[in-house]
Amino acid sequence: MELLSPAGSPEALLAAVQNGADAVYMGLGSFNARRSARNFTDDTFPQAVDYCHRHGVKVYLTLNTLLTDRELPEAAEALRKASAWGVDAVLVQDLGVLRMARRCFPDLPIHASTQMAIHNATGVRFCRNQGMTRAVLARECSAAEIALAAKEGIEIEVFGHGAQCVAVSGECLFSSVVGGRSGNRGRCAQPCRLLYTYRGKTAAWLSPRDVCMRDDLPELNKAGVASIKLEGRLKRPEYVATIANSYRNAIDAMDNGHF
């Protein structure tokens, strides 16, 4: 099982690699679901890819927001750079970006971002038929649904740790409506985390508990999960180091029969 860690900054990238990540996911430019993270530039991204590959770690580019037609040339340039820099896969949400990537950059493996809301075997089959090599399932999927999805012939990735979105994998206009910042454009302000008053009681009514699947890794492994994803591109490097190390130890213990 692959351990996939967030890399929202160069410091977080180092923390992930040095604490046992098998792969990292990171953003470049405007078309990623965490635009408020520090992310990477044209100068730092290829350096990060080189560093990761020298340590046997894969790099996945997050190109996973919805785009307008006028933005497609810039997205095409990002895909060209990803191909030239040796990125191991690109995560996409927009079907137009998927089509462009498959036609213009067939060397790039494409992963279906969780923002695609793939939540069953039928959705995974669609991804496979579109030439995608991996689907990141919605956080809401049960173990039984995951097992069925894993039989469709492409890799299955699931979230193992971090925020549990109150909407279905970010398919939400709440942030856009109340603050003009759309989660589908990488600018979610997380208004569901805020306090609201209902029937005289104030609480975080819309905020579910965060996910922690560390103790469920054997069940996920049995279901056929290829990659366990840690959420947190907006988190500090210390957070990334802690969760990567914890899940690294758990996966190694599972593989050695000592979980």
Protein backbone atom coordinates (compact mmCIF):
# COMPACT_ATOMS: atom_id res chain seq x y z
CA MET A 1 0.00 0.00 0.00
CA GLU A 2 1.40 3.37 -1.08
CA LEU A 3 1.67 6.14 1.51
CA LEU A 4 0.71 9.41 -0.19
CA SER A 5 1.49 12.61 1.73
CA PRO A 6 0.57 16.25 1.15
CA ALA A 7 3.21 18.75 0.07
CA GLY A 8 1.77 22.24 0.29
CA SER A 9 5.21 23.84 0.53
CA PRO A 10 8.87 22.90 -0.01
CA GLU A 11 9.26 22.46 3.76
CA ALA A 12 6.27 20.11 3.91
CA LEU A 13 7.70 18.18 0.98
CA LEU A 14 10.94 17.57 2.88
CA ALA A 15 8.95 16.52 5.95
CA ALA A 16 6.94 14.01 3.91
CA VAL A 17 9.94 12.45 2.17
CA GLN A 18 12.05 12.27 5.32
CA ASN A 19 9.25 10.58 7.23
CA GLY A 20 8.59 7.73 4.85
CA ALA A 21 6.15 8.89 2.17
CA ASP A 22 6.10 6.78 -0.98
CA ALA A 23 4.57 9.63 -2.97
CA VAL A 24 3.55 13.26 -2.56
CA TYR A 25 0.89 15.41 -4.19
CA MET A 26 1.55 19.08 -4.84
CA GLY A 27 0.22 22.10 -6.67
CA LEU A 28 1.58 24.40 -9.37
CA GLY A 29 -0.09 27.65 -10.33
CA SER A 30 -3.79 28.42 -10.05
CA PHE A 31 -5.50 25.20 -11.04
CA ASN A 32 -5.19 23.16 -7.87
CA ALA A 33 -7.72 22.61 -5.09
CA ARG A 34 -5.56 24.33 -2.46
CA ARG A 35 -4.59 27.64 -4.03
CA SER A 36 -4.04 29.21 -0.61
CA ALA A 37 -1.20 26.80 0.13
CA ARG A 38 2.29 28.04 -0.72
CA ASN A 39 2.53 25.45 -3.49
CA PHE A 40 5.37 25.47 -6.01
CA THR A 41 6.70 27.64 -8.83
CA ASP A 42 8.31 26.93 -12.18
CA ASP A 43 11.66 27.10 -10.38
CA THR A 44 10.89 25.03 -7.29
CA PHE A 45 8.64 22.36 -8.82
CA PRO A 46 11.27 20.64 -11.04
CA GLN A 47 13.73 20.81 -8.15
CA ALA A 48 11.16 19.09 -5.95
CA VAL A 49 10.56 16.38 -8.57
CA ASP A 50 14.29 15.74 -8.82
CA TYR A 51 14.64 15.55 -5.02
CA CYS A 52 11.74 13.14 -4.70
CA HIS A 53 12.89 10.87 -7.49
CA ARG A 54 16.39 10.68 -6.04
CA HIS A 55 14.76 9.36 -2.86
CA GLY A 56 12.46 6.94 -4.67
CA VAL A 57 9.34 9.04 -4.06
CA LYS A 58 6.70 9.67 -6.74
CA VAL A 59 5.24 13.11 -7.48
CA TYR A 60 1.62 13.75 -8.39
CA LEU A 61 0.59 17.17 -9.75
CA THR A 62 -2.81 18.45 -8.61
CA LEU A 63 -4.52 20.04 -11.61
CA ASN A 64 -7.91 19.41 -10.07
CA THR A 65 -10.17 22.45 -10.30
CA LEU A 66 -12.87 23.33 -12.80
CA LEU A 67 -11.63 25.56 -15.63
CA THR A 68 -13.12 28.04 -18.06
CA ASP A 69 -12.44 27.74 -21.78
CA ARG A 70 -10.08 30.72 -21.72
CA GLU A 71 -7.94 28.95 -19.10
CA LEU A 72 -7.34 25.81 -21.15
CA PRO A 73 -4.14 27.11 -22.83
CA GLU A 74 -2.59 27.75 -19.40
CA ALA A 75 -3.66 24.28 -18.27
CA ALA A 76 -2.10 22.80 -21.40
CA GLU A 77 1.15 24.54 -20.52
CA ALA A 78 1.02 23.10 -17.02
CA LEU A 79 0.55 19.61 -18.50
CA ARG A 80 3.48 20.20 -20.86
CA LYS A 81 5.69 21.15 -17.93
CA ALA A 82 4.53 18.13 -15.94
CA SER A 83 5.47 15.87 -18.84
CA ALA A 84 8.85 17.54 -19.31
CA TRP A 85 9.67 17.42 -15.60
CA GLY A 86 8.86 13.73 -15.27
CA VAL A 87 5.80 14.02 -13.02
CA ASP A 88 4.49 10.56 -12.20
CA ALA A 89 0.78 11.41 -12.55
CA VAL A 90 -1.65 14.33 -12.75
CA LEU A 91 -4.88 14.58 -10.75
CA VAL A 92 -7.79 16.12 -12.66
CA GLN A 93 -11.42 17.00 -12.04
CA ASP A 94 -12.37 18.80 -15.23
CA LEU A 95 -13.33 16.44 -18.08
CA GLY A 96 -12.04 18.95 -20.60
CA VAL A 97 -8.61 18.84 -18.98
CA LEU A 98 -8.80 15.04 -18.97
CA ARG A 99 -9.53 14.96 -22.70
CA MET A 100 -6.75 17.42 -23.46
CA ALA A 101 -4.26 15.47 -21.36
CA ARG A 102 -5.11 12.15 -23.01
CA ARG A 103 -4.85 13.61 -26.51
CA CYS A 104 -1.87 15.89 -26.15
CA PHE A 105 0.21 14.23 -23.43
CA PRO A 106 -0.50 10.48 -23.61
CA ASP A 107 2.66 9.77 -21.61
CA LEU A 108 1.15 11.33 -18.48
CA PRO A 109 -0.79 8.95 -16.19
CA ILE A 110 -4.03 10.59 -15.10
CA HIS A 111 -5.73 10.12 -11.73
CA ALA A 112 -9.38 10.99 -11.08
CA SER A 113 -9.37 13.55 -8.27
CA THR A 114 -11.77 13.10 -5.38
CA GLN A 115 -13.44 16.26 -6.71
CA MET A 116 -14.83 14.06 -9.50
CA ALA A 117 -17.03 12.49 -6.79
CA ILE A 118 -16.24 8.93 -7.88
CA HIS A 119 -18.04 6.89 -5.24
CA ASN A 120 -18.84 3.48 -6.74
CA ALA A 121 -17.65 0.81 -9.17
CA THR A 122 -19.58 2.37 -12.05
CA GLY A 123 -17.69 5.62 -11.64
CA VAL A 124 -14.38 3.78 -11.48
CA ARG A 125 -15.30 1.89 -14.65
CA PHE A 126 -15.89 5.23 -16.38
CA CYS A 127 -12.44 6.40 -15.27
CA ARG A 128 -10.86 3.22 -16.58
CA ASN A 129 -12.64 3.57 -19.93
CA GLN A 130 -11.33 7.13 -20.22
CA GLY A 131 -7.76 5.88 -19.88
CA MET A 132 -7.23 6.94 -16.27
CA THR A 133 -4.94 4.78 -14.16
CA ARG A 134 -6.27 5.61 -10.69
CA ALA A 135 -9.43 6.89 -9.02
CA VAL A 136 -9.42 8.77 -5.72
CA LEU A 137 -12.68 7.67 -4.15
CA ALA A 138 -15.01 9.97 -2.27
CA ARG A 139 -14.44 9.96 1.48
CA GLU A 140 -17.98 8.71 2.06
CA CYS A 141 -17.39 5.25 0.53
CA SER A 142 -17.86 2.16 2.66
CA ALA A 143 -15.40 -0.74 2.76
CA ALA A 144 -17.79 -2.81 0.65
CA GLU A 145 -18.00 -0.08 -2.01
CA ILE A 146 -14.23 0.25 -2.03
CA ALA A 147 -13.80 -3.50 -2.54
CA LEU A 148 -16.18 -3.46 -5.52
CA ALA A 149 -14.40 -0.45 -7.02
CA ALA A 150 -11.03 -2.16 -6.68
CA LYS A 151 -12.21 -4.94 -8.99
CA GLU A 152 -12.55 -2.56 -11.93
CA GLY A 153 -8.92 -2.87 -13.00
CA ILE A 154 -7.35 0.45 -12.01
CA GLU A 155 -5.71 1.62 -8.80
CA ILE A 156 -7.90 2.82 -5.96
CA GLU A 157 -6.81 5.63 -3.67
CA VAL A 158 -8.66 6.57 -0.49
CA PHE A 159 -8.27 9.30 2.10
CA GLY A 160 -6.83 7.94 5.32
CA HIS A 161 -6.38 11.02 7.46
CA GLY A 162 -7.67 14.57 7.54
CA ALA A 163 -10.71 16.69 6.86
CA GLN A 164 -14.05 15.01 6.22
CA CYS A 165 -15.81 17.38 3.81
CA VAL A 166 -19.44 17.98 4.74
CA ALA A 167 -20.27 18.06 1.03
CA VAL A 168 -19.65 15.11 -1.26
CA SER A 169 -15.94 15.48 -2.01
CA GLY A 170 -16.04 19.23 -2.27
CA GLU A 171 -19.06 19.44 -4.57
CA CYS A 172 -20.20 22.49 -2.62
CA LEU A 173 -21.12 26.12 -3.34
CA PHE A 174 -21.30 27.20 0.30
CA SER A 175 -17.95 28.99 0.31
CA SER A 176 -18.76 30.64 -3.01
CA VAL A 177 -22.18 31.85 -1.83
CA VAL A 178 -21.13 33.28 1.54
CA GLY A 179 -17.68 34.55 0.66
CA GLY A 180 -17.19 34.56 -3.09
CA ARG A 181 -14.51 31.86 -2.83
CA SER A 182 -15.41 28.68 -4.66
CA GLY A 183 -14.07 25.33 -3.50
CA ASN A 184 -14.43 24.14 -7.09
CA ARG A 185 -11.86 26.77 -8.01
CA GLY A 186 -9.42 25.86 -5.27
CA ARG A 187 -10.38 28.65 -2.87
CA CYS A 188 -12.64 27.01 -0.27
CA ALA A 189 -12.83 29.15 2.89
CA GLN A 190 -14.26 26.21 4.90
CA PRO A 191 -17.33 28.04 6.20
CA CYS A 192 -18.67 24.65 7.34
CA ARG A 193 -16.01 24.79 10.08
CA LEU A 194 -17.47 27.94 11.61
CA LEU A 195 -19.84 28.28 14.55
CA TYR A 196 -23.55 28.70 13.84
CA THR A 197 -26.50 29.24 16.15
CA TYR A 198 -29.43 26.86 15.82
CA ARG A 199 -32.39 26.91 18.17
CA GLY A 200 -30.47 28.98 20.66
CA LYS A 201 -27.39 26.76 20.74
CA THR A 202 -24.11 27.73 19.10
CA ALA A 203 -21.86 24.99 17.73
CA ALA A 204 -19.97 23.85 14.63
CA TRP A 205 -23.15 22.21 13.33
CA LEU A 206 -21.86 21.58 9.81
CA SER A 207 -18.37 20.33 10.65
CA PRO A 208 -17.96 16.55 10.82
CA ARG A 209 -15.11 14.91 12.62
CA ASP A 210 -11.83 14.49 10.79
CA VAL A 211 -10.94 11.09 9.37
CA CYS A 212 -8.36 8.84 11.03
CA MET A 213 -8.13 5.43 9.35
CA ARG A 214 -4.80 4.35 10.82
CA ASP A 215 -6.35 1.48 12.74
CA ASP A 216 -8.35 0.40 9.68
CA LEU A 217 -5.41 -0.07 7.32
CA PRO A 218 -5.67 -3.91 7.28
CA GLU A 219 -9.33 -3.69 6.23
CA LEU A 220 -8.53 -1.15 3.52
CA ASN A 221 -5.65 -3.29 2.32
CA LYS A 222 -7.93 -6.31 2.15
CA ALA A 223 -10.43 -4.27 0.14
CA GLY A 224 -7.77 -3.65 -2.49
CA VAL A 225 -6.72 -0.07 -1.76
CA ALA A 226 -3.51 0.77 -3.61
CA SER A 227 -2.80 4.13 -1.97
CA ILE A 228 -3.70 5.73 1.35
CA LYS A 229 -3.86 9.51 1.16
CA LEU A 230 -3.08 11.93 3.97
CA GLU A 231 -4.89 15.25 3.72
CA GLY A 232 -3.19 18.50 4.69
CA ARG A 233 -1.64 20.76 2.05
CA LEU A 234 -2.58 23.73 4.23
CA LYS A 235 -0.90 22.22 7.29
CA ARG A 236 2.49 23.00 8.79
CA PRO A 237 5.49 20.77 7.99
CA GLU A 238 5.46 19.45 11.57
CA TYR A 239 1.94 18.11 11.02
CA VAL A 240 2.95 16.44 7.75
CA ALA A 241 5.98 14.86 9.44
CA THR A 242 3.90 13.51 12.32
CA ILE A 243 1.14 11.90 10.28
CA ALA A 244 3.52 10.56 7.61
CA ASN A 245 5.68 8.93 10.26
CA SER A 246 2.65 7.47 12.06
CA TYR A 247 1.16 5.92 8.93
CA ARG A 248 4.57 4.76 7.71
CA ASN A 249 5.03 2.80 10.92
CA ALA A 250 1.51 1.40 10.68
CA ILE A 251 1.89 0.27 7.05
CA ASP A 252 5.26 -1.32 7.76
CA ALA A 253 3.82 -3.13 10.78
CA MET A 254 0.91 -4.37 8.65
CA ASP A 255 3.24 -5.59 5.90
CA ASN A 256 5.34 -7.45 8.47
CA GLY A 257 2.35 -9.04 10.14
CA HIS A 258 2.78 -7.13 13.38
CA PHE A 259 -0.16 -4.70 13.18
